[in-house]
Every structure is written in structure tokens, then in C-alpha cells.
Amino acid sequence: MAVVAVAAGLLIAWRATGFLHAAALALVAASGIAAGWIDAYERRLPDLLVLPLYPAAAALLVAAGDPDRLLRAAAVSAAALALFGLACAAGQMGFGDVKLAGLLALVLVWNDWGTAALALVLTVAIGGGQAAVVIALGRKDFPYGPAILAGAAGALAVAPWLAE
């Protein structure tokens, strides 16, 4: 966990668009590391670690004073909640995954649209690879939260090179 925390801190320092964005990413990363660990072992994403970050991240976004980013963040977060909500309704993931996806969309789109879109693509790729391994091992379910978190971190790290 220490290595993941240091890597997250370095990634935040590199990719944050300012102090308020860095604060939002740091809150989500700290909570995400713990939530991902819990999901991997207990197959649940605790509301206590995810839900309080919605108003905290939103407050930081509002404090940044950029109405375009605020609108973009609200729209993309709502879209992530709807998309992952459909997958939850179809029985493909838990509701904790839906809440985590909406939160990550809120802070990732702060950079740009591409970072949030890439996070979705990487999440699907990582989760799909994880599903293939789980099915090959003869099991039926697996925690999706770590795939969502890895997709978000990967997008934050890779997006600058794709934009060039």
C-alpha cells in the first residue's frame, strides 16, 4: 500500500491543474486506496469512504471558480453514474462500483474530457482482463473497484501523451 500511495502522490503532483484539484485528487486517492483494498478482500466498497468525497470534491471544484469545468464535471459524473448504474441494474457490478465511478469521473474530467474517457476505456480493459482470468479459474465474481481505480490512475498517467 505504501508504494501505491507514493505513486499516487507523485501522479497527483504531476497532473493536478492547481492546488484545489490536487486536494480533490489527494482526497479521492487516499480514500480510493483504502476502498480498493477493502473491495479486493471483502467484495464491497464502503459508503463511508466514497460518499463523503462527493461534496468535498464538488466544493473544491466550485471554489476553483471555473464554471465550464464545473458544468463538465457535473455532466460527466452524471453520465458515469448512469452508465455504471445500468451495469449494476443488469447485475454486472455492485452499487458501490457505481458510486466510485461517479466520484472518479468528477475529479478526472477536471483535467479534460479525454482523461475521463480514457479512464472508462482502461477500466473496461482492465476489468475485462480480470474477468477472463476469474472465469478461467472457474469462479464467477470478482471485485470491480480495483479495476475502476486502476483505470482512473492509468488514464491520469497516460492522457498527456495521447493528447500530443
N, C-alpha and C. Protein backbone atom coordinates (compact mmCIF):
# COMPACT_ATOMS: atom_id res chain seq x y z
N MET A 1 0.82 -1.19 0.00
CA MET A 1 0.00 0.00 0.00
C MET A 1 0.86 1.26 0.00
N ALA A 2 2.01 1.19 0.63
CA ALA A 2 2.88 2.36 0.69
C ALA A 2 3.36 2.75 -0.71
N VAL A 3 3.70 1.77 -1.52
CA VAL A 3 4.16 2.04 -2.87
C VAL A 3 3.05 2.68 -3.69
N VAL A 4 1.83 2.17 -3.54
CA VAL A 4 0.69 2.73 -4.26
C VAL A 4 0.44 4.17 -3.81
N ALA A 5 0.55 4.43 -2.54
CA ALA A 5 0.34 5.78 -2.01
C ALA A 5 1.38 6.76 -2.54
N VAL A 6 2.64 6.35 -2.57
CA VAL A 6 3.70 7.21 -3.10
C VAL A 6 3.48 7.46 -4.59
N ALA A 7 3.15 6.41 -5.33
CA ALA A 7 2.89 6.56 -6.76
C ALA A 7 1.71 7.51 -7.00
N ALA A 8 0.67 7.38 -6.21
CA ALA A 8 -0.49 8.26 -6.34
C ALA A 8 -0.10 9.71 -6.04
N GLY A 9 0.69 9.91 -5.01
CA GLY A 9 1.14 11.26 -4.67
C GLY A 9 1.96 11.90 -5.78
N LEU A 10 2.86 11.13 -6.37
CA LEU A 10 3.66 11.65 -7.48
C LEU A 10 2.79 11.95 -8.70
N LEU A 11 1.85 11.08 -8.98
CA LEU A 11 0.94 11.29 -10.10
C LEU A 11 0.10 12.54 -9.90
N ILE A 12 -0.37 12.74 -8.70
CA ILE A 12 -1.17 13.94 -8.38
C ILE A 12 -0.32 15.20 -8.54
N ALA A 13 0.89 15.17 -8.02
CA ALA A 13 1.77 16.33 -8.12
C ALA A 13 2.04 16.69 -9.58
N TRP A 14 2.13 15.68 -10.43
CA TRP A 14 2.42 15.90 -11.84
C TRP A 14 1.21 16.38 -12.62
N ARG A 15 0.03 15.80 -12.37
CA ARG A 15 -1.12 16.02 -13.22
C ARG A 15 -2.16 17.01 -12.70
N ALA A 16 -2.09 17.41 -11.46
CA ALA A 16 -3.11 18.33 -10.93
C ALA A 16 -3.01 19.67 -11.64
N THR A 17 -4.16 20.27 -11.91
CA THR A 17 -4.20 21.56 -12.62
C THR A 17 -4.04 22.74 -11.67
N GLY A 18 -3.95 22.50 -10.41
CA GLY A 18 -3.77 23.55 -9.41
C GLY A 18 -3.93 22.96 -8.02
N PHE A 19 -3.81 23.82 -7.02
CA PHE A 19 -3.87 23.35 -5.64
C PHE A 19 -5.21 22.70 -5.30
N LEU A 20 -6.32 23.30 -5.71
CA LEU A 20 -7.63 22.75 -5.38
C LEU A 20 -7.86 21.39 -6.06
N HIS A 21 -7.40 21.28 -7.29
CA HIS A 21 -7.52 19.99 -7.98
C HIS A 21 -6.63 18.95 -7.30
N ALA A 22 -5.44 19.35 -6.90
CA ALA A 22 -4.55 18.43 -6.18
C ALA A 22 -5.20 17.95 -4.89
N ALA A 23 -5.87 18.86 -4.19
CA ALA A 23 -6.55 18.49 -2.94
C ALA A 23 -7.66 17.49 -3.22
N ALA A 24 -8.44 17.72 -4.28
CA ALA A 24 -9.53 16.79 -4.62
C ALA A 24 -8.96 15.43 -5.01
N LEU A 25 -7.93 15.42 -5.84
CA LEU A 25 -7.32 14.15 -6.23
C LEU A 25 -6.71 13.42 -5.03
N ALA A 26 -6.08 14.17 -4.12
CA ALA A 26 -5.48 13.54 -2.93
C ALA A 26 -6.53 12.91 -2.04
N LEU A 27 -7.65 13.60 -1.84
CA LEU A 27 -8.74 13.03 -1.05
C LEU A 27 -9.26 11.73 -1.67
N VAL A 28 -9.48 11.79 -2.98
CA VAL A 28 -10.02 10.62 -3.68
C VAL A 28 -8.99 9.49 -3.70
N ALA A 29 -7.73 9.83 -3.89
CA ALA A 29 -6.69 8.79 -3.92
C ALA A 29 -6.55 8.10 -2.56
N ALA A 30 -6.52 8.89 -1.50
CA ALA A 30 -6.37 8.31 -0.16
C ALA A 30 -7.54 7.38 0.14
N SER A 31 -8.72 7.85 -0.15
CA SER A 31 -9.90 7.03 0.09
C SER A 31 -9.94 5.84 -0.88
N GLY A 32 -9.56 6.09 -2.12
CA GLY A 32 -9.58 5.03 -3.14
C GLY A 32 -8.64 3.89 -2.83
N ILE A 33 -7.48 4.21 -2.30
CA ILE A 33 -6.52 3.15 -1.95
C ILE A 33 -7.13 2.24 -0.88
N ALA A 34 -7.71 2.85 0.14
CA ALA A 34 -8.34 2.06 1.20
C ALA A 34 -9.56 1.31 0.67
N ALA A 35 -10.39 1.98 -0.13
CA ALA A 35 -11.59 1.34 -0.66
C ALA A 35 -11.25 0.19 -1.60
N GLY A 36 -10.24 0.37 -2.43
CA GLY A 36 -9.82 -0.70 -3.33
C GLY A 36 -9.32 -1.92 -2.59
N TRP A 37 -8.58 -1.68 -1.52
CA TRP A 37 -8.07 -2.77 -0.68
C TRP A 37 -9.24 -3.52 -0.04
N ILE A 38 -10.19 -2.78 0.51
CA ILE A 38 -11.36 -3.40 1.14
C ILE A 38 -12.17 -4.18 0.11
N ASP A 39 -12.36 -3.60 -1.07
CA ASP A 39 -13.12 -4.28 -2.11
C ASP A 39 -12.43 -5.57 -2.55
N ALA A 40 -11.12 -5.54 -2.64
CA ALA A 40 -10.38 -6.74 -3.05
C ALA A 40 -10.55 -7.88 -2.05
N TYR A 41 -10.65 -7.53 -0.78
CA TYR A 41 -10.73 -8.57 0.25
C TYR A 41 -12.14 -8.88 0.74
N GLU A 42 -13.01 -7.87 0.71
CA GLU A 42 -14.36 -8.08 1.26
C GLU A 42 -15.47 -7.98 0.23
N ARG A 43 -15.13 -7.66 -0.99
CA ARG A 43 -16.11 -7.52 -2.09
C ARG A 43 -17.15 -6.44 -1.80
N ARG A 44 -16.71 -5.32 -1.24
CA ARG A 44 -17.63 -4.20 -1.02
C ARG A 44 -16.83 -2.91 -0.98
N LEU A 45 -17.45 -1.84 -1.44
CA LEU A 45 -16.86 -0.51 -1.38
C LEU A 45 -17.64 0.28 -0.33
N PRO A 46 -17.04 0.56 0.81
CA PRO A 46 -17.76 1.21 1.90
C PRO A 46 -18.22 2.63 1.54
N ASP A 47 -19.50 2.90 1.79
CA ASP A 47 -20.05 4.24 1.58
C ASP A 47 -19.28 5.28 2.38
N LEU A 48 -18.80 4.90 3.54
CA LEU A 48 -18.08 5.82 4.42
C LEU A 48 -16.82 6.39 3.74
N LEU A 49 -16.25 5.62 2.83
CA LEU A 49 -15.04 6.06 2.13
C LEU A 49 -15.33 6.78 0.82
N VAL A 50 -16.51 6.60 0.26
CA VAL A 50 -16.81 7.16 -1.06
C VAL A 50 -17.77 8.34 -0.98
N LEU A 51 -18.89 8.19 -0.33
CA LEU A 51 -19.93 9.22 -0.36
C LEU A 51 -19.52 10.58 0.19
N PRO A 52 -18.76 10.66 1.29
CA PRO A 52 -18.38 11.99 1.79
C PRO A 52 -17.50 12.79 0.82
N LEU A 53 -16.89 12.09 -0.11
CA LEU A 53 -15.99 12.78 -1.03
C LEU A 53 -16.73 13.51 -2.15
N TYR A 54 -17.97 13.15 -2.40
CA TYR A 54 -18.75 13.89 -3.41
C TYR A 54 -18.87 15.36 -3.04
N PRO A 55 -19.40 15.70 -1.86
CA PRO A 55 -19.50 17.12 -1.54
C PRO A 55 -18.13 17.79 -1.36
N ALA A 56 -17.15 17.05 -0.87
CA ALA A 56 -15.81 17.63 -0.70
C ALA A 56 -15.20 17.99 -2.05
N ALA A 57 -15.25 17.05 -3.00
CA ALA A 57 -14.70 17.31 -4.33
C ALA A 57 -15.50 18.40 -5.05
N ALA A 58 -16.81 18.37 -4.90
CA ALA A 58 -17.65 19.39 -5.52
C ALA A 58 -17.34 20.78 -4.95
N ALA A 59 -17.14 20.86 -3.64
CA ALA A 59 -16.81 22.14 -3.02
C ALA A 59 -15.48 22.68 -3.53
N LEU A 60 -14.50 21.80 -3.69
CA LEU A 60 -13.21 22.23 -4.23
C LEU A 60 -13.35 22.69 -5.67
N LEU A 61 -14.18 22.00 -6.43
CA LEU A 61 -14.42 22.37 -7.82
C LEU A 61 -15.12 23.74 -7.91
N VAL A 62 -16.11 23.94 -7.06
CA VAL A 62 -16.80 25.24 -7.02
C VAL A 62 -15.81 26.34 -6.61
N ALA A 63 -14.98 26.05 -5.61
CA ALA A 63 -14.00 27.04 -5.14
C ALA A 63 -12.99 27.41 -6.23
N ALA A 64 -12.76 26.51 -7.17
CA ALA A 64 -11.82 26.80 -8.26
C ALA A 64 -12.36 27.92 -9.16
N GLY A 65 -13.66 28.13 -9.15
CA GLY A 65 -14.24 29.26 -9.87
C GLY A 65 -14.24 29.15 -11.38
N ASP A 66 -14.30 27.94 -11.90
CA ASP A 66 -14.34 27.76 -13.35
C ASP A 66 -15.68 27.12 -13.72
N PRO A 67 -16.65 27.93 -14.18
CA PRO A 67 -17.98 27.39 -14.45
C PRO A 67 -18.00 26.33 -15.56
N ASP A 68 -17.10 26.44 -16.53
CA ASP A 68 -17.04 25.42 -17.59
C ASP A 68 -16.63 24.07 -17.04
N ARG A 69 -15.60 24.07 -16.20
CA ARG A 69 -15.16 22.81 -15.57
C ARG A 69 -16.24 22.25 -14.65
N LEU A 70 -16.91 23.13 -13.95
CA LEU A 70 -17.98 22.69 -13.04
C LEU A 70 -19.09 22.00 -13.82
N LEU A 71 -19.52 22.60 -14.91
CA LEU A 71 -20.57 22.00 -15.74
C LEU A 71 -20.10 20.68 -16.34
N ARG A 72 -18.88 20.67 -16.85
CA ARG A 72 -18.32 19.45 -17.45
C ARG A 72 -18.23 18.34 -16.40
N ALA A 73 -17.78 18.67 -15.19
CA ALA A 73 -17.64 17.67 -14.13
C ALA A 73 -19.00 17.11 -13.73
N ALA A 74 -19.99 17.99 -13.60
CA ALA A 74 -21.33 17.51 -13.23
C ALA A 74 -21.91 16.61 -14.32
N ALA A 75 -21.74 16.99 -15.58
CA ALA A 75 -22.28 16.20 -16.69
C ALA A 75 -21.61 14.83 -16.79
N VAL A 76 -20.29 14.82 -16.69
CA VAL A 76 -19.56 13.55 -16.84
C VAL A 76 -19.79 12.64 -15.63
N SER A 77 -19.87 13.21 -14.45
CA SER A 77 -20.17 12.41 -13.26
C SER A 77 -21.55 11.79 -13.38
N ALA A 78 -22.53 12.58 -13.82
CA ALA A 78 -23.89 12.05 -14.00
C ALA A 78 -23.91 10.96 -15.07
N ALA A 79 -23.15 11.15 -16.14
CA ALA A 79 -23.09 10.13 -17.20
C ALA A 79 -22.46 8.84 -16.68
N ALA A 80 -21.41 8.98 -15.87
CA ALA A 80 -20.76 7.78 -15.29
C ALA A 80 -21.72 7.05 -14.35
N LEU A 81 -22.44 7.82 -13.55
CA LEU A 81 -23.42 7.20 -12.64
C LEU A 81 -24.49 6.47 -13.45
N ALA A 82 -24.95 7.07 -14.54
CA ALA A 82 -25.98 6.42 -15.37
C ALA A 82 -25.44 5.17 -16.06
N LEU A 83 -24.26 5.27 -16.66
CA LEU A 83 -23.68 4.13 -17.38
C LEU A 83 -23.39 2.96 -16.45
N PHE A 84 -22.73 3.24 -15.35
CA PHE A 84 -22.41 2.18 -14.40
C PHE A 84 -23.67 1.71 -13.68
N GLY A 85 -24.63 2.61 -13.52
CA GLY A 85 -25.92 2.23 -12.93
C GLY A 85 -26.65 1.20 -13.77
N LEU A 86 -26.57 1.36 -15.09
CA LEU A 86 -27.17 0.36 -15.99
C LEU A 86 -26.50 -1.00 -15.82
N ALA A 87 -25.18 -1.00 -15.71
CA ALA A 87 -24.46 -2.26 -15.49
C ALA A 87 -24.82 -2.87 -14.15
N CYS A 88 -25.04 -2.03 -13.15
CA CYS A 88 -25.45 -2.52 -11.83
C CYS A 88 -26.85 -3.13 -11.92
N ALA A 89 -27.75 -2.43 -12.60
CA ALA A 89 -29.12 -2.93 -12.75
C ALA A 89 -29.15 -4.26 -13.49
N ALA A 90 -28.19 -4.45 -14.39
CA ALA A 90 -28.10 -5.71 -15.14
C ALA A 90 -27.41 -6.80 -14.34
N GLY A 91 -26.96 -6.47 -13.12
CA GLY A 91 -26.32 -7.46 -12.26
C GLY A 91 -24.85 -7.68 -12.55
N GLN A 92 -24.23 -6.76 -13.28
CA GLN A 92 -22.83 -6.94 -13.66
C GLN A 92 -21.84 -6.36 -12.66
N MET A 93 -22.32 -5.51 -11.77
CA MET A 93 -21.45 -4.92 -10.74
C MET A 93 -22.31 -4.45 -9.59
N GLY A 94 -21.65 -4.10 -8.51
CA GLY A 94 -22.38 -3.63 -7.33
C GLY A 94 -22.60 -2.13 -7.35
N PHE A 95 -23.46 -1.65 -6.47
CA PHE A 95 -23.78 -0.24 -6.42
C PHE A 95 -22.61 0.59 -5.91
N GLY A 96 -21.74 -0.01 -5.13
CA GLY A 96 -20.53 0.68 -4.68
C GLY A 96 -19.65 1.06 -5.87
N ASP A 97 -19.59 0.19 -6.87
CA ASP A 97 -18.83 0.49 -8.08
C ASP A 97 -19.42 1.69 -8.81
N VAL A 98 -20.73 1.79 -8.81
CA VAL A 98 -21.41 2.92 -9.46
C VAL A 98 -21.02 4.22 -8.78
N LYS A 99 -21.08 4.23 -7.46
CA LYS A 99 -20.75 5.44 -6.70
C LYS A 99 -19.29 5.83 -6.89
N LEU A 100 -18.41 4.83 -6.92
CA LEU A 100 -16.98 5.11 -7.12
C LEU A 100 -16.74 5.68 -8.52
N ALA A 101 -17.38 5.15 -9.53
CA ALA A 101 -17.20 5.64 -10.90
C ALA A 101 -17.64 7.09 -11.04
N GLY A 102 -18.75 7.45 -10.43
CA GLY A 102 -19.21 8.83 -10.48
C GLY A 102 -18.24 9.79 -9.82
N LEU A 103 -17.69 9.37 -8.69
CA LEU A 103 -16.72 10.21 -7.98
C LEU A 103 -15.45 10.40 -8.80
N LEU A 104 -14.95 9.31 -9.35
CA LEU A 104 -13.73 9.41 -10.15
C LEU A 104 -13.95 10.27 -11.39
N ALA A 105 -15.10 10.15 -12.01
CA ALA A 105 -15.41 10.99 -13.18
C ALA A 105 -15.38 12.46 -12.78
N LEU A 106 -15.89 12.78 -11.61
CA LEU A 106 -15.94 14.16 -11.12
C LEU A 106 -14.55 14.78 -11.05
N VAL A 107 -13.58 14.04 -10.56
CA VAL A 107 -12.24 14.61 -10.42
C VAL A 107 -11.36 14.43 -11.65
N LEU A 108 -11.62 13.41 -12.46
CA LEU A 108 -10.79 13.18 -13.64
C LEU A 108 -11.09 14.16 -14.77
N VAL A 109 -12.35 14.49 -14.94
CA VAL A 109 -12.71 15.39 -16.03
C VAL A 109 -12.25 16.82 -15.74
N TRP A 110 -11.82 17.08 -14.53
CA TRP A 110 -11.26 18.38 -14.16
C TRP A 110 -10.09 18.70 -15.10
N ASN A 111 -9.32 17.67 -15.48
CA ASN A 111 -8.21 17.87 -16.42
C ASN A 111 -8.75 18.16 -17.82
N ASP A 112 -9.51 17.21 -18.34
CA ASP A 112 -10.08 17.35 -19.68
C ASP A 112 -11.00 16.16 -19.95
N TRP A 113 -11.75 16.26 -21.04
CA TRP A 113 -12.68 15.19 -21.42
C TRP A 113 -11.94 13.89 -21.69
N GLY A 114 -10.80 14.00 -22.36
CA GLY A 114 -10.06 12.81 -22.77
C GLY A 114 -9.61 11.95 -21.60
N THR A 115 -9.23 12.57 -20.50
CA THR A 115 -8.78 11.80 -19.34
C THR A 115 -9.92 10.94 -18.80
N ALA A 116 -11.10 11.52 -18.71
CA ALA A 116 -12.26 10.76 -18.21
C ALA A 116 -12.65 9.65 -19.19
N ALA A 117 -12.61 9.93 -20.48
CA ALA A 117 -12.96 8.91 -21.49
C ALA A 117 -11.94 7.78 -21.47
N LEU A 118 -10.66 8.13 -21.37
CA LEU A 118 -9.61 7.11 -21.31
C LEU A 118 -9.75 6.26 -20.06
N ALA A 119 -10.17 6.87 -18.95
CA ALA A 119 -10.38 6.10 -17.71
C ALA A 119 -11.45 5.03 -17.93
N LEU A 120 -12.50 5.38 -18.64
CA LEU A 120 -13.55 4.39 -18.93
C LEU A 120 -13.00 3.25 -19.78
N VAL A 121 -12.26 3.59 -20.82
CA VAL A 121 -11.69 2.56 -21.71
C VAL A 121 -10.74 1.65 -20.93
N LEU A 122 -9.86 2.23 -20.14
CA LEU A 122 -8.91 1.43 -19.36
C LEU A 122 -9.61 0.59 -18.30
N THR A 123 -10.65 1.13 -17.70
CA THR A 123 -11.41 0.37 -16.70
C THR A 123 -12.03 -0.86 -17.34
N VAL A 124 -12.62 -0.68 -18.51
CA VAL A 124 -13.23 -1.82 -19.22
C VAL A 124 -12.17 -2.84 -19.61
N ALA A 125 -11.02 -2.37 -20.09
CA ALA A 125 -9.95 -3.29 -20.48
C ALA A 125 -9.39 -4.05 -19.28
N ILE A 126 -9.11 -3.34 -18.20
CA ILE A 126 -8.57 -3.99 -17.00
C ILE A 126 -9.61 -4.93 -16.39
N GLY A 127 -10.84 -4.47 -16.27
CA GLY A 127 -11.91 -5.31 -15.73
C GLY A 127 -12.18 -6.52 -16.61
N GLY A 128 -12.11 -6.33 -17.93
CA GLY A 128 -12.30 -7.46 -18.86
C GLY A 128 -11.20 -8.49 -18.72
N GLY A 129 -9.97 -8.02 -18.58
CA GLY A 129 -8.85 -8.96 -18.37
C GLY A 129 -9.00 -9.69 -17.05
N GLN A 130 -9.41 -8.98 -16.04
CA GLN A 130 -9.65 -9.59 -14.74
C GLN A 130 -10.77 -10.62 -14.84
N ALA A 131 -11.83 -10.29 -15.55
CA ALA A 131 -12.95 -11.23 -15.71
C ALA A 131 -12.50 -12.49 -16.44
N ALA A 132 -11.67 -12.34 -17.46
CA ALA A 132 -11.19 -13.51 -18.20
C ALA A 132 -10.40 -14.45 -17.30
N VAL A 133 -9.56 -13.89 -16.46
CA VAL A 133 -8.77 -14.72 -15.53
C VAL A 133 -9.69 -15.40 -14.52
N VAL A 134 -10.63 -14.66 -13.98
CA VAL A 134 -11.55 -15.22 -12.98
C VAL A 134 -12.37 -16.35 -13.58
N ILE A 135 -12.87 -16.16 -14.79
CA ILE A 135 -13.66 -17.20 -15.46
C ILE A 135 -12.78 -18.41 -15.75
N ALA A 136 -11.54 -18.18 -16.19
CA ALA A 136 -10.63 -19.29 -16.47
C ALA A 136 -10.33 -20.10 -15.20
N LEU A 137 -10.37 -19.43 -14.05
CA LEU A 137 -10.14 -20.12 -12.78
C LEU A 137 -11.40 -20.81 -12.25
N GLY A 138 -12.51 -20.66 -12.98
CA GLY A 138 -13.75 -21.32 -12.59
C GLY A 138 -14.56 -20.58 -11.54
N ARG A 139 -14.25 -19.31 -11.33
CA ARG A 139 -15.02 -18.53 -10.37
C ARG A 139 -16.01 -17.64 -11.12
N LYS A 140 -16.94 -17.05 -10.39
CA LYS A 140 -17.99 -16.28 -11.04
C LYS A 140 -17.95 -14.79 -10.76
N ASP A 141 -17.44 -14.37 -9.63
CA ASP A 141 -17.48 -12.95 -9.32
C ASP A 141 -16.11 -12.46 -8.89
N PHE A 142 -15.94 -11.15 -8.98
CA PHE A 142 -14.70 -10.53 -8.57
C PHE A 142 -14.98 -9.06 -8.24
N PRO A 143 -14.11 -8.45 -7.44
CA PRO A 143 -14.31 -7.03 -7.11
C PRO A 143 -13.91 -6.16 -8.30
N TYR A 144 -14.79 -5.25 -8.69
CA TYR A 144 -14.53 -4.39 -9.85
C TYR A 144 -13.92 -3.06 -9.44
N GLY A 145 -14.03 -2.68 -8.18
CA GLY A 145 -13.48 -1.42 -7.70
C GLY A 145 -12.01 -1.23 -8.01
N PRO A 146 -11.15 -2.24 -7.77
CA PRO A 146 -9.74 -2.06 -8.12
C PRO A 146 -9.52 -1.80 -9.61
N ALA A 147 -10.33 -2.40 -10.48
CA ALA A 147 -10.20 -2.13 -11.91
C ALA A 147 -10.59 -0.69 -12.23
N ILE A 148 -11.63 -0.19 -11.58
CA ILE A 148 -12.06 1.19 -11.79
C ILE A 148 -10.95 2.15 -11.33
N LEU A 149 -10.38 1.88 -10.18
CA LEU A 149 -9.31 2.73 -9.65
C LEU A 149 -8.06 2.66 -10.51
N ALA A 150 -7.69 1.47 -10.97
CA ALA A 150 -6.52 1.33 -11.84
C ALA A 150 -6.75 2.02 -13.17
N GLY A 151 -7.96 1.93 -13.72
CA GLY A 151 -8.28 2.63 -14.96
C GLY A 151 -8.16 4.13 -14.80
N ALA A 152 -8.62 4.65 -13.67
CA ALA A 152 -8.53 6.09 -13.41
C ALA A 152 -7.08 6.53 -13.28
N ALA A 153 -6.29 5.79 -12.52
CA ALA A 153 -4.88 6.14 -12.34
C ALA A 153 -4.13 6.04 -13.66
N GLY A 154 -4.42 4.99 -14.41
CA GLY A 154 -3.78 4.82 -15.72
C GLY A 154 -4.11 5.96 -16.67
N ALA A 155 -5.36 6.38 -16.67
CA ALA A 155 -5.77 7.48 -17.54
C ALA A 155 -5.08 8.77 -17.14
N LEU A 156 -4.99 9.01 -15.87
CA LEU A 156 -4.33 10.22 -15.39
C LEU A 156 -2.86 10.23 -15.80
N ALA A 157 -2.24 9.05 -15.79
CA ALA A 157 -0.83 8.94 -16.14
C ALA A 157 -0.58 8.99 -17.64
N VAL A 158 -1.44 8.41 -18.44
CA VAL A 158 -1.20 8.24 -19.88
C VAL A 158 -1.79 9.37 -20.73
N ALA A 159 -2.84 10.00 -20.27
CA ALA A 159 -3.56 11.00 -21.08
C ALA A 159 -2.67 12.10 -21.66
N PRO A 160 -1.66 12.61 -20.94
CA PRO A 160 -0.85 13.68 -21.53
C PRO A 160 -0.14 13.27 -22.82
N TRP A 161 0.28 12.01 -22.91
CA TRP A 161 0.97 11.56 -24.10
C TRP A 161 0.04 11.33 -25.28
N LEU A 162 -1.20 11.01 -24.98
CA LEU A 162 -2.17 10.80 -26.05
C LEU A 162 -2.66 12.12 -26.63
N ALA A 163 -2.58 13.19 -25.86
CA ALA A 163 -3.05 14.50 -26.30
C ALA A 163 -2.05 15.18 -27.22
N GLU A 164 -0.80 14.72 -27.24
CA GLU A 164 0.23 15.37 -28.06
C GLU A 164 0.04 15.10 -29.53
